[in-house]
Amino acid sequence: MEQWNWKIENEDYNRRTINRCKKHRIVLPTFEQMKKPETIPEKIPREVTGVKARIVGLVGKFFPTGAHKVGATYGCLAPYLVAGRFNPDYHKAVWPSTGNYCRGGVFNSALMDVHAVAILPEEMSQERFDWLREKGAEVYATPGCESNVKEIYDKCHELEAESDEYLIFNQFDQFGNAIWHYEVTGYTIEQLFHKIRREGEHLSGYVSATGSAGTIAAGDYLREKFPLLKVVGAEALQCPTLLMNGFGGHRIEGIGDKHVPWIHNVKNTDAITAIDDEESLRLLRLFNEPEGQQWLIEQGAPEEAVRKLPYLGISSCANLLASIKLAKYFEMKENDVIFTIFTDSVELYYSRLEEMNRDWGAYSSRQAALDWGNVVQKQKIDFFKELSFYDKKTIHNLKYFTWVEQQGKDVEDLNAQWYREDYWKERFSIVPEWDRLIERFNQKAGVRI
């Protein structure tokens, strides 16, 4: 059985890490401190979404890496540093990813002067590879696209067999990923909702692409505050793993699939929806091509909001479409508010826009009208499944094939996730213990902000 406790495991590792932070004048923030900074929500107006419910997106563009995954990687790395599980003079931090997670990991590793290793599918956008190499990361491109996650795991095992200096921070089974989003993203959404709430409004929905199941863990926090909340997981229609045990490849970069992440609390997911990757790409064009923006303004969308639409990358467009499906499925009204995540921005996908202009032809106002009408206005509630108790158990049971058969997890731990009432609460309540370790670590390092 997995032991879930945190204490100083290796005093030598801990001392070396403290010395490194002292040398580089690094102060590790506590999770409590990360929850408090003011965050400004960016909202997409009803004139664009076409639904009555208000959809609010947290924008990841302004994180240091251009995507919000930098926080999730900190949630994985920091506990290992302060608990003496990582030797910065020896270990290489390995960040297996379908895109943005390895960016965050490489960024945090660079701050610590730690050797970083990024593993991601070869079909990801060129912007990602260029950025990682500029940061000095050791980069491995694995076969396939974002849905080829097993190939990433295989590369991790290959590196581990090669040397014990490779320490794997697998976002799909590292609870630090989910805990950071539970503690920081969930809290942030709660505070922002109270800040922007209009009289009579309810926080009715939270939508997140499932991916590594880190971001969707904010729904566990929000459920405690808003019990009637609908938590919806989104995935690609071309690879509908949770929706219908499906498989395949798709072009919604960065979400990963063909398995159920170990850290996904499936019991807390109310519905699953699948988004056509072509619709996400068409929305990306509408929001970023000058002709698309001008057409939206001419239809009455506020110019200030339209100019911010490039804050949405491909998976952000998928989350927006999933939010529209949620609003339509449950017939949400003007007093309903849906929160979602705009993980990254168009800055990672200019090469994709160039490809579409080359392959699909130059963009035009006519195409903008077609894209908005067919992708947004006529968005249907197809490929949307409200989950029953046994639907959730079916999805949970899929973990067996990846994590027990392939990755060596204990079946008793798998059953504990479903049957043990305090399993998830125990993990999400670890933060005060981590913060105490971080505060003691910073005191030893002697660095002040």
Protein backbone atom coordinates (compact mmCIF):
# COMPACT_ATOMS: atom_id res chain seq x y z
CA MET A 1 0.00 0.00 0.00
CA GLU A 2 1.16 3.53 -0.79
CA GLN A 3 2.37 5.42 2.27
CA TRP A 4 1.17 9.02 2.28
CA ASN A 5 3.38 10.89 4.71
CA TRP A 6 6.02 13.57 4.33
CA LYS A 7 9.14 14.12 6.43
CA ILE A 8 12.82 14.80 5.80
CA GLU A 9 14.01 11.61 4.10
CA ASN A 10 17.61 12.47 3.28
CA GLU A 11 19.39 15.16 5.27
CA ASP A 12 22.26 15.32 2.78
CA TYR A 13 19.90 15.98 -0.16
CA ASN A 14 18.12 18.56 1.95
CA ARG A 15 21.37 20.33 2.86
CA ARG A 16 22.50 20.43 -0.76
CA THR A 17 19.20 21.92 -1.87
CA ILE A 18 19.27 24.52 0.91
CA ASN A 19 22.79 25.53 -0.15
CA ARG A 20 21.66 25.87 -3.74
CA CYS A 21 18.74 28.10 -2.77
CA LYS A 22 21.05 30.18 -0.60
CA LYS A 23 23.52 30.55 -3.48
CA HIS A 24 20.86 31.63 -5.98
CA ARG A 25 18.85 33.59 -3.40
CA ILE A 26 15.73 31.50 -3.96
CA VAL A 27 12.77 31.64 -1.60
CA LEU A 28 10.24 28.85 -2.05
CA PRO A 29 6.67 30.16 -1.77
CA THR A 30 4.23 28.22 0.38
CA PHE A 31 0.97 27.01 -1.10
CA GLU A 32 -0.82 29.48 1.17
CA GLN A 33 1.19 32.34 -0.34
CA MET A 34 0.42 31.22 -3.88
CA LYS A 35 -3.30 31.36 -3.14
CA LYS A 36 -3.32 35.02 -2.17
CA PRO A 37 -2.03 37.11 -5.15
CA GLU A 38 -4.67 39.16 -6.90
CA THR A 39 -5.80 37.59 -10.16
CA ILE A 40 -7.90 39.39 -12.77
CA PRO A 41 -10.45 37.21 -14.57
CA GLU A 42 -10.83 37.49 -18.32
CA LYS A 43 -14.33 36.77 -19.55
CA ILE A 44 -15.69 35.98 -22.98
CA PRO A 45 -18.92 37.92 -23.58
CA ARG A 46 -22.29 36.44 -24.43
CA GLU A 47 -22.03 38.07 -27.86
CA VAL A 48 -19.29 35.53 -28.61
CA THR A 49 -20.53 32.41 -26.78
CA GLY A 50 -24.19 32.65 -27.73
CA VAL A 51 -25.42 31.22 -24.38
CA LYS A 52 -27.23 32.91 -21.50
CA ALA A 53 -24.90 31.63 -18.78
CA ARG A 54 -21.82 33.69 -18.03
CA ILE A 55 -18.59 31.86 -18.92
CA VAL A 56 -15.44 33.05 -17.13
CA GLY A 57 -11.99 31.79 -18.04
CA LEU A 58 -8.79 31.94 -15.97
CA VAL A 59 -6.02 32.99 -18.36
CA GLY A 60 -2.71 31.14 -18.29
CA LYS A 61 -0.90 33.38 -20.77
CA PHE A 62 0.61 35.60 -18.08
CA PHE A 63 2.36 32.85 -16.16
CA PRO A 64 6.14 32.97 -16.73
CA THR A 65 5.98 30.11 -19.25
CA GLY A 66 2.88 31.37 -21.05
CA ALA A 67 0.82 28.55 -19.53
CA HIS A 68 -0.52 27.84 -16.04
CA LYS A 69 1.23 24.45 -15.72
CA VAL A 70 4.19 26.17 -14.08
CA GLY A 71 2.22 26.01 -10.84
CA ALA A 72 1.47 22.31 -11.17
CA THR A 73 5.15 21.48 -11.64
CA TYR A 74 6.00 23.51 -8.54
CA GLY A 75 3.45 21.44 -6.65
CA CYS A 76 5.36 18.32 -7.69
CA LEU A 77 8.94 19.60 -7.29
CA ALA A 78 8.79 21.68 -4.10
CA PRO A 79 7.78 18.86 -1.72
CA TYR A 80 10.62 16.69 -3.04
CA LEU A 81 13.10 19.52 -2.50
CA VAL A 82 12.13 20.37 1.06
CA ALA A 83 11.68 16.73 2.13
CA GLY A 84 15.11 15.68 0.90
CA ARG A 85 13.84 13.39 -1.84
CA PHE A 86 15.76 15.19 -4.59
CA ASN A 87 19.52 15.78 -4.79
CA PRO A 88 20.10 18.85 -7.01
CA ASP A 89 23.78 17.96 -7.36
CA TYR A 90 22.98 14.55 -8.82
CA HIS A 91 19.39 14.07 -9.95
CA LYS A 92 17.99 15.16 -13.28
CA ALA A 93 14.37 16.32 -13.10
CA VAL A 94 12.38 14.54 -15.79
CA TRP A 95 9.14 16.16 -16.94
CA PRO A 96 7.00 13.81 -19.10
CA SER A 97 4.36 15.87 -20.82
CA THR A 98 2.07 16.47 -23.76
CA GLY A 99 3.16 20.09 -23.91
CA ASN A 100 2.82 22.70 -21.19
CA TYR A 101 3.75 20.64 -18.12
CA CYS A 102 7.31 20.14 -19.32
CA ARG A 103 7.55 23.90 -19.98
CA GLY A 104 6.67 24.59 -16.36
CA GLY A 105 9.04 21.91 -15.14
CA VAL A 106 11.93 23.20 -17.21
CA PHE A 107 11.25 26.76 -16.03
CA ASN A 108 11.27 25.80 -12.35
CA SER A 109 14.32 23.58 -12.86
CA ALA A 110 16.18 26.48 -14.48
CA LEU A 111 15.46 28.69 -11.44
CA MET A 112 17.01 26.02 -9.23
CA ASP A 113 19.95 25.42 -11.58
CA VAL A 114 18.73 21.81 -11.85
CA HIS A 115 19.31 19.71 -14.96
CA ALA A 116 15.90 19.39 -16.67
CA VAL A 117 14.70 16.70 -19.07
CA ALA A 118 11.59 17.31 -21.18
CA ILE A 119 9.71 14.45 -22.84
CA LEU A 120 6.86 15.25 -25.22
CA PRO A 121 5.31 13.89 -28.45
CA GLU A 122 7.09 14.73 -31.68
CA GLU A 123 3.93 16.16 -33.29
CA MET A 124 3.59 19.00 -30.77
CA SER A 125 3.98 22.56 -32.07
CA GLN A 126 7.47 23.72 -33.02
CA GLU A 127 7.16 26.67 -30.63
CA ARG A 128 7.23 24.25 -27.70
CA PHE A 129 10.43 22.50 -28.82
CA ASP A 130 12.17 25.79 -29.59
CA TRP A 131 11.37 27.21 -26.14
CA LEU A 132 12.53 24.09 -24.30
CA ARG A 133 15.88 24.02 -26.11
CA GLU A 134 16.39 27.73 -25.53
CA LYS A 135 16.06 27.03 -21.80
CA GLY A 136 18.80 24.43 -22.02
CA ALA A 137 16.62 21.37 -21.42
CA GLU A 138 17.53 17.87 -22.50
CA VAL A 139 14.64 17.16 -24.90
CA TYR A 140 13.21 13.86 -26.10
CA ALA A 141 10.50 13.72 -28.79
CA THR A 142 8.46 10.53 -28.54
CA PRO A 143 6.42 8.99 -31.39
CA GLY A 144 2.93 10.29 -32.10
CA CYS A 145 0.70 13.16 -31.01
CA GLU A 146 -0.84 14.32 -27.73
CA SER A 147 -2.82 11.08 -27.33
CA ASN A 148 0.34 8.93 -27.39
CA VAL A 149 0.96 9.00 -23.65
CA LYS A 150 2.22 5.43 -23.23
CA GLU A 151 5.18 6.26 -25.48
CA ILE A 152 6.09 9.00 -23.00
CA TYR A 153 5.96 6.51 -20.13
CA ASP A 154 8.11 4.08 -22.12
CA LYS A 155 10.78 6.76 -22.53
CA CYS A 156 10.67 7.43 -18.77
CA HIS A 157 11.28 3.75 -18.05
CA GLU A 158 14.12 3.71 -20.55
CA LEU A 159 15.83 6.61 -18.80
CA GLU A 160 15.27 5.08 -15.36
CA ALA A 161 16.87 1.84 -16.53
CA GLU A 162 19.81 3.79 -17.93
CA SER A 163 20.62 5.63 -14.70
CA ASP A 164 19.16 6.36 -11.26
CA GLU A 165 20.05 10.01 -11.73
CA TYR A 166 16.80 10.47 -13.68
CA LEU A 167 14.00 11.30 -11.23
CA ILE A 168 10.60 11.21 -12.91
CA PHE A 169 7.95 13.82 -12.06
CA ASN A 170 5.05 12.19 -13.88
CA GLN A 171 2.16 14.64 -13.92
CA PHE A 172 -0.30 11.80 -14.45
CA ASP A 173 0.46 10.14 -11.10
CA GLN A 174 2.11 12.91 -9.04
CA PHE A 175 -0.46 14.13 -6.53
CA GLY A 176 1.40 17.43 -6.24
CA ASN A 177 -0.13 18.30 -9.61
CA ALA A 178 -3.71 17.80 -8.42
CA ILE A 179 -3.01 19.26 -4.97
CA TRP A 180 -1.66 22.53 -6.41
CA HIS A 181 -4.80 23.00 -8.51
CA TYR A 182 -7.06 22.00 -5.62
CA GLU A 183 -5.35 24.44 -3.28
CA VAL A 184 -4.53 27.35 -5.62
CA THR A 185 -6.75 27.14 -8.72
CA GLY A 186 -9.81 26.10 -6.74
CA TYR A 187 -9.32 28.82 -4.13
CA THR A 188 -8.67 31.42 -6.83
CA ILE A 189 -11.90 30.56 -8.63
CA GLU A 190 -13.83 30.78 -5.36
CA GLN A 191 -12.42 34.23 -4.59
CA LEU A 192 -12.91 35.52 -8.12
CA PHE A 193 -16.49 34.35 -8.20
CA HIS A 194 -17.28 36.28 -5.03
CA LYS A 195 -15.48 39.29 -6.50
CA ILE A 196 -17.36 39.38 -9.81
CA ARG A 197 -20.65 37.87 -8.65
CA ARG A 198 -23.79 39.74 -9.59
CA GLU A 199 -26.94 39.62 -7.50
CA GLY A 200 -28.69 36.27 -7.85
CA GLU A 201 -25.83 34.50 -9.62
CA HIS A 202 -24.70 30.96 -8.76
CA LEU A 203 -21.43 29.17 -9.46
CA SER A 204 -23.03 26.40 -11.49
CA GLY A 205 -20.25 24.79 -13.50
CA TYR A 206 -16.54 24.09 -13.71
CA VAL A 207 -15.07 22.78 -16.95
CA SER A 208 -11.59 21.41 -17.52
CA ALA A 209 -9.99 19.26 -20.18
CA THR A 210 -9.08 16.08 -18.33
CA GLY A 211 -5.48 15.82 -19.57
CA SER A 212 -3.31 14.86 -16.60
CA ALA A 213 -6.29 15.41 -14.23
CA GLY A 214 -4.42 18.13 -12.37
CA THR A 215 -6.58 21.09 -13.34
CA ILE A 216 -9.86 19.25 -12.89
CA ALA A 217 -8.90 18.70 -9.23
CA ALA A 218 -9.91 22.33 -8.61
CA GLY A 219 -13.41 20.92 -8.90
CA ASP A 220 -12.84 18.89 -5.72
CA TYR A 221 -12.20 22.13 -3.83
CA LEU A 222 -15.12 23.94 -5.45
CA ARG A 223 -17.50 21.07 -4.66
CA GLU A 224 -16.84 21.65 -0.96
CA LYS A 225 -17.82 25.31 -1.33
CA PHE A 226 -20.60 24.94 -3.91
CA PRO A 227 -22.22 21.47 -3.48
CA LEU A 228 -24.56 21.85 -6.48
CA LEU A 229 -21.68 22.59 -8.86
CA LYS A 230 -21.43 20.57 -12.09
CA VAL A 231 -17.84 19.42 -12.76
CA VAL A 232 -17.29 18.54 -16.42
CA GLY A 233 -14.26 16.88 -17.99
CA ALA A 234 -13.53 17.61 -21.65
CA GLU A 235 -11.56 15.54 -24.13
CA ALA A 236 -11.10 15.22 -27.89
CA LEU A 237 -13.84 13.58 -29.93
CA GLN A 238 -11.12 11.91 -32.00
CA CYS A 239 -9.93 10.10 -28.85
CA PRO A 240 -12.99 9.76 -26.57
CA THR A 241 -11.36 7.69 -23.83
CA LEU A 242 -13.60 8.65 -20.91
CA LEU A 243 -16.72 9.15 -23.01
CA MET A 244 -16.75 5.75 -24.72
CA ASN A 245 -13.46 3.96 -23.93
CA GLY A 246 -12.27 5.25 -27.28
CA PHE A 247 -8.85 5.74 -28.80
CA GLY A 248 -7.17 7.60 -31.63
CA GLY A 249 -5.11 10.68 -32.40
CA HIS A 250 -6.19 14.32 -32.27
CA ARG A 251 -4.97 17.91 -32.59
CA ILE A 252 -6.07 19.53 -29.32
CA GLU A 253 -2.51 19.98 -28.15
CA GLY A 254 -1.53 19.39 -24.58
CA ILE A 255 -4.39 17.40 -23.05
CA GLY A 256 -3.14 13.77 -23.28
CA ASP A 257 -5.48 10.78 -23.19
CA LYS A 258 -6.00 7.04 -23.98
CA HIS A 259 -5.88 6.37 -20.26
CA VAL A 260 -7.30 7.63 -16.96
CA PRO A 261 -4.71 9.50 -14.86
CA TRP A 262 -3.93 8.00 -11.47
CA ILE A 263 -4.66 11.33 -9.77
CA HIS A 264 -8.17 11.76 -11.24
CA ASN A 265 -10.87 11.56 -8.57
CA VAL A 266 -13.50 10.25 -10.96
CA LYS A 267 -16.21 10.26 -8.30
CA ASN A 268 -16.16 14.06 -8.39
CA THR A 269 -16.79 14.32 -12.14
CA ASP A 270 -20.43 14.87 -13.10
CA ALA A 271 -20.17 14.69 -16.87
CA ILE A 272 -17.80 14.07 -19.75
CA THR A 273 -17.95 15.80 -23.11
CA ALA A 274 -15.93 15.39 -26.28
CA ILE A 275 -14.96 18.27 -28.57
CA ASP A 276 -14.15 17.90 -32.25
CA ASP A 277 -10.55 19.00 -32.71
CA GLU A 278 -11.40 20.68 -36.02
CA GLU A 279 -13.91 22.91 -34.22
CA SER A 280 -11.23 23.98 -31.74
CA LEU A 281 -8.91 24.85 -34.62
CA ARG A 282 -11.65 26.76 -36.45
CA LEU A 283 -12.30 28.74 -33.28
CA LEU A 284 -8.58 29.46 -32.98
CA ARG A 285 -8.65 30.99 -36.46
CA LEU A 286 -11.82 32.99 -35.77
CA PHE A 287 -10.30 34.47 -32.62
CA ASN A 288 -6.91 35.32 -34.10
CA GLU A 289 -7.16 36.11 -37.80
CA PRO A 290 -7.80 39.86 -38.38
CA GLU A 291 -10.79 39.07 -40.58
CA GLY A 292 -12.29 36.95 -37.80
CA GLN A 293 -11.82 39.58 -35.13
CA GLN A 294 -13.25 42.30 -37.36
CA TRP A 295 -16.32 40.18 -38.16
CA LEU A 296 -16.99 39.61 -34.44
CA ILE A 297 -16.75 43.35 -33.75
CA GLU A 298 -19.14 44.08 -36.60
CA GLN A 299 -21.63 41.65 -35.06
CA GLY A 300 -21.59 43.62 -31.81
CA ALA A 301 -18.97 41.88 -29.70
CA PRO A 302 -17.09 44.47 -27.58
CA GLU A 303 -13.81 45.35 -29.25
CA GLU A 304 -11.92 45.23 -25.95
CA ALA A 305 -13.03 41.61 -25.42
CA VAL A 306 -12.30 40.60 -29.01
CA ARG A 307 -8.73 41.90 -28.77
CA LYS A 308 -8.21 39.54 -25.81
CA LEU A 309 -9.39 36.43 -27.64
CA PRO A 310 -5.78 35.55 -28.61
CA TYR A 311 -5.38 34.68 -24.92
CA LEU A 312 -6.98 31.36 -25.91
CA GLY A 313 -4.88 28.51 -27.33
CA ILE A 314 -6.26 25.31 -28.86
CA SER A 315 -7.18 23.53 -25.61
CA SER A 316 -8.63 26.81 -24.30
CA CYS A 317 -10.96 26.88 -27.31
CA ALA A 318 -11.94 23.28 -26.50
CA ASN A 319 -12.70 24.26 -22.89
CA LEU A 320 -14.84 27.16 -24.10
CA LEU A 321 -16.82 24.88 -26.43
CA ALA A 322 -17.24 22.36 -23.60
CA SER A 323 -18.58 25.18 -21.40
CA ILE A 324 -21.12 26.06 -24.09
CA LYS A 325 -22.21 22.42 -24.23
CA LEU A 326 -22.58 22.38 -20.44
CA ALA A 327 -24.70 25.53 -20.48
CA LYS A 328 -26.95 24.13 -23.20
CA TYR A 329 -27.25 20.61 -21.74
CA PHE A 330 -28.41 21.81 -18.32
CA GLU A 331 -30.33 24.76 -19.86
CA MET A 332 -28.45 27.28 -17.74
CA LYS A 333 -29.76 30.84 -17.52
CA GLU A 334 -28.46 34.37 -16.90
CA ASN A 335 -27.90 33.68 -13.18
CA ASP A 336 -25.58 30.73 -13.85
CA VAL A 337 -21.80 31.22 -13.95
CA ILE A 338 -19.40 28.69 -15.44
CA PHE A 339 -15.66 28.80 -14.80
CA THR A 340 -13.12 27.20 -17.08
CA ILE A 341 -9.40 27.37 -17.78
CA PHE A 342 -7.68 29.07 -20.71
CA THR A 343 -4.46 27.15 -20.23
CA ASP A 344 -2.28 28.84 -22.81
CA SER A 345 -2.52 31.36 -25.64
CA VAL A 346 -2.09 31.57 -29.40
CA GLU A 347 1.59 32.38 -28.87
CA LEU A 348 2.29 28.64 -28.85
CA TYR A 349 0.33 28.04 -32.05
CA TYR A 350 1.30 30.59 -34.68
CA SER A 351 2.78 27.74 -36.70
CA ARG A 352 -0.61 26.01 -36.61
CA LEU A 353 -2.32 29.14 -37.96
CA GLU A 354 0.21 29.21 -40.78
CA GLU A 355 -0.47 25.55 -41.53
CA MET A 356 -4.23 26.13 -41.65
CA ASN A 357 -3.86 29.12 -43.96
CA ARG A 358 -1.71 27.00 -46.21
CA ASP A 359 -3.92 23.90 -46.13
CA TRP A 360 -7.40 25.44 -45.79
CA GLY A 361 -6.90 28.72 -47.64
CA ALA A 362 -6.72 32.36 -46.52
CA TYR A 363 -9.21 33.44 -43.88
CA SER A 364 -12.13 35.71 -44.77
CA SER A 365 -15.15 37.37 -43.20
CA ARG A 366 -17.34 34.76 -44.90
CA GLN A 367 -15.37 31.99 -43.24
CA ALA A 368 -15.65 33.82 -39.92
CA ALA A 369 -19.45 33.84 -40.26
CA LEU A 370 -19.44 30.12 -41.04
CA ASP A 371 -17.13 29.31 -38.13
CA TRP A 372 -19.12 31.28 -35.58
CA GLY A 373 -22.45 30.00 -36.86
CA ASN A 374 -21.52 26.33 -37.11
CA VAL A 375 -19.01 25.99 -34.27
CA VAL A 376 -20.42 28.37 -31.64
CA GLN A 377 -24.05 29.25 -32.34
CA LYS A 378 -25.02 25.73 -33.46
CA GLN A 379 -22.91 23.91 -30.88
CA LYS A 380 -25.01 20.92 -29.81
CA ILE A 381 -25.24 18.76 -26.71
CA ASP A 382 -24.10 15.69 -28.62
CA PHE A 383 -21.14 13.77 -27.21
CA PHE A 384 -22.09 14.95 -23.73
CA LYS A 385 -22.63 12.28 -21.08
CA GLU A 386 -23.98 12.88 -17.58
CA LEU A 387 -22.29 10.26 -15.42
CA SER A 388 -24.20 7.84 -13.20
CA PHE A 389 -22.55 6.09 -10.24
CA TYR A 390 -21.65 3.10 -12.39
CA ASP A 391 -20.49 5.28 -15.28
CA LYS A 392 -17.97 6.78 -12.87
CA LYS A 393 -16.93 3.38 -11.59
CA THR A 394 -16.44 2.17 -15.16
CA ILE A 395 -14.07 5.07 -15.85
CA HIS A 396 -12.25 4.52 -12.56
CA ASN A 397 -11.76 0.83 -13.36
CA LEU A 398 -9.92 1.76 -16.56
CA LYS A 399 -7.03 2.88 -14.34
CA TYR A 400 -6.24 -0.79 -13.72
CA PHE A 401 -4.94 -1.45 -17.21
CA THR A 402 -2.54 1.50 -17.29
CA TRP A 403 -1.45 1.78 -13.70
CA VAL A 404 -1.53 -1.75 -12.29
CA GLU A 405 -0.76 -3.85 -15.37
CA GLN A 406 1.64 -1.43 -17.12
CA GLN A 407 3.06 0.91 -14.48
CA GLY A 408 3.30 -1.35 -11.44
CA LYS A 409 0.82 0.32 -9.07
CA ASP A 410 -0.78 -1.72 -6.28
CA VAL A 411 -4.35 -2.86 -6.91
CA GLU A 412 -5.07 -2.21 -3.21
CA ASP A 413 -4.27 1.48 -3.79
CA LEU A 414 -6.56 1.49 -6.82
CA ASN A 415 -9.41 0.11 -4.72
CA ALA A 416 -8.61 2.56 -1.92
CA GLN A 417 -9.19 5.45 -4.33
CA TRP A 418 -12.75 4.24 -4.88
CA TYR A 419 -13.75 2.70 -1.56
CA ARG A 420 -11.78 4.51 1.14
CA GLU A 421 -13.73 7.59 2.17
CA ASP A 422 -10.72 9.57 3.40
CA TYR A 423 -8.39 8.73 0.48
CA TRP A 424 -8.76 11.99 -1.45
CA LYS A 425 -9.31 14.13 1.63
CA GLU A 426 -6.03 12.83 3.07
CA ARG A 427 -4.12 13.90 -0.03
CA PHE A 428 -5.73 17.29 -0.43
CA SER A 429 -5.19 18.09 3.26
CA ILE A 430 -1.38 17.59 3.08
CA VAL A 431 -0.67 21.24 2.22
CA PRO A 432 -0.22 22.58 5.79
CA GLU A 433 2.42 19.89 6.34
CA TRP A 434 4.17 20.84 3.10
CA ASP A 435 4.03 24.53 4.01
CA ARG A 436 5.67 23.82 7.37
CA LEU A 437 8.47 21.99 5.56
CA ILE A 438 8.84 24.89 3.10
CA GLU A 439 8.95 27.50 5.88
CA ARG A 440 11.56 25.52 7.81
CA PHE A 441 13.55 25.06 4.60
CA ASN A 442 13.52 28.80 3.87
CA GLN A 443 14.65 29.56 7.42
CA LYS A 444 17.63 27.26 6.98
CA ALA A 445 18.45 28.81 3.61
CA GLY A 446 18.38 32.24 5.27
CA VAL A 447 17.10 34.02 2.16
CA ARG A 448 14.62 36.86 2.58
CA ILE A 449 12.29 38.34 -0.01
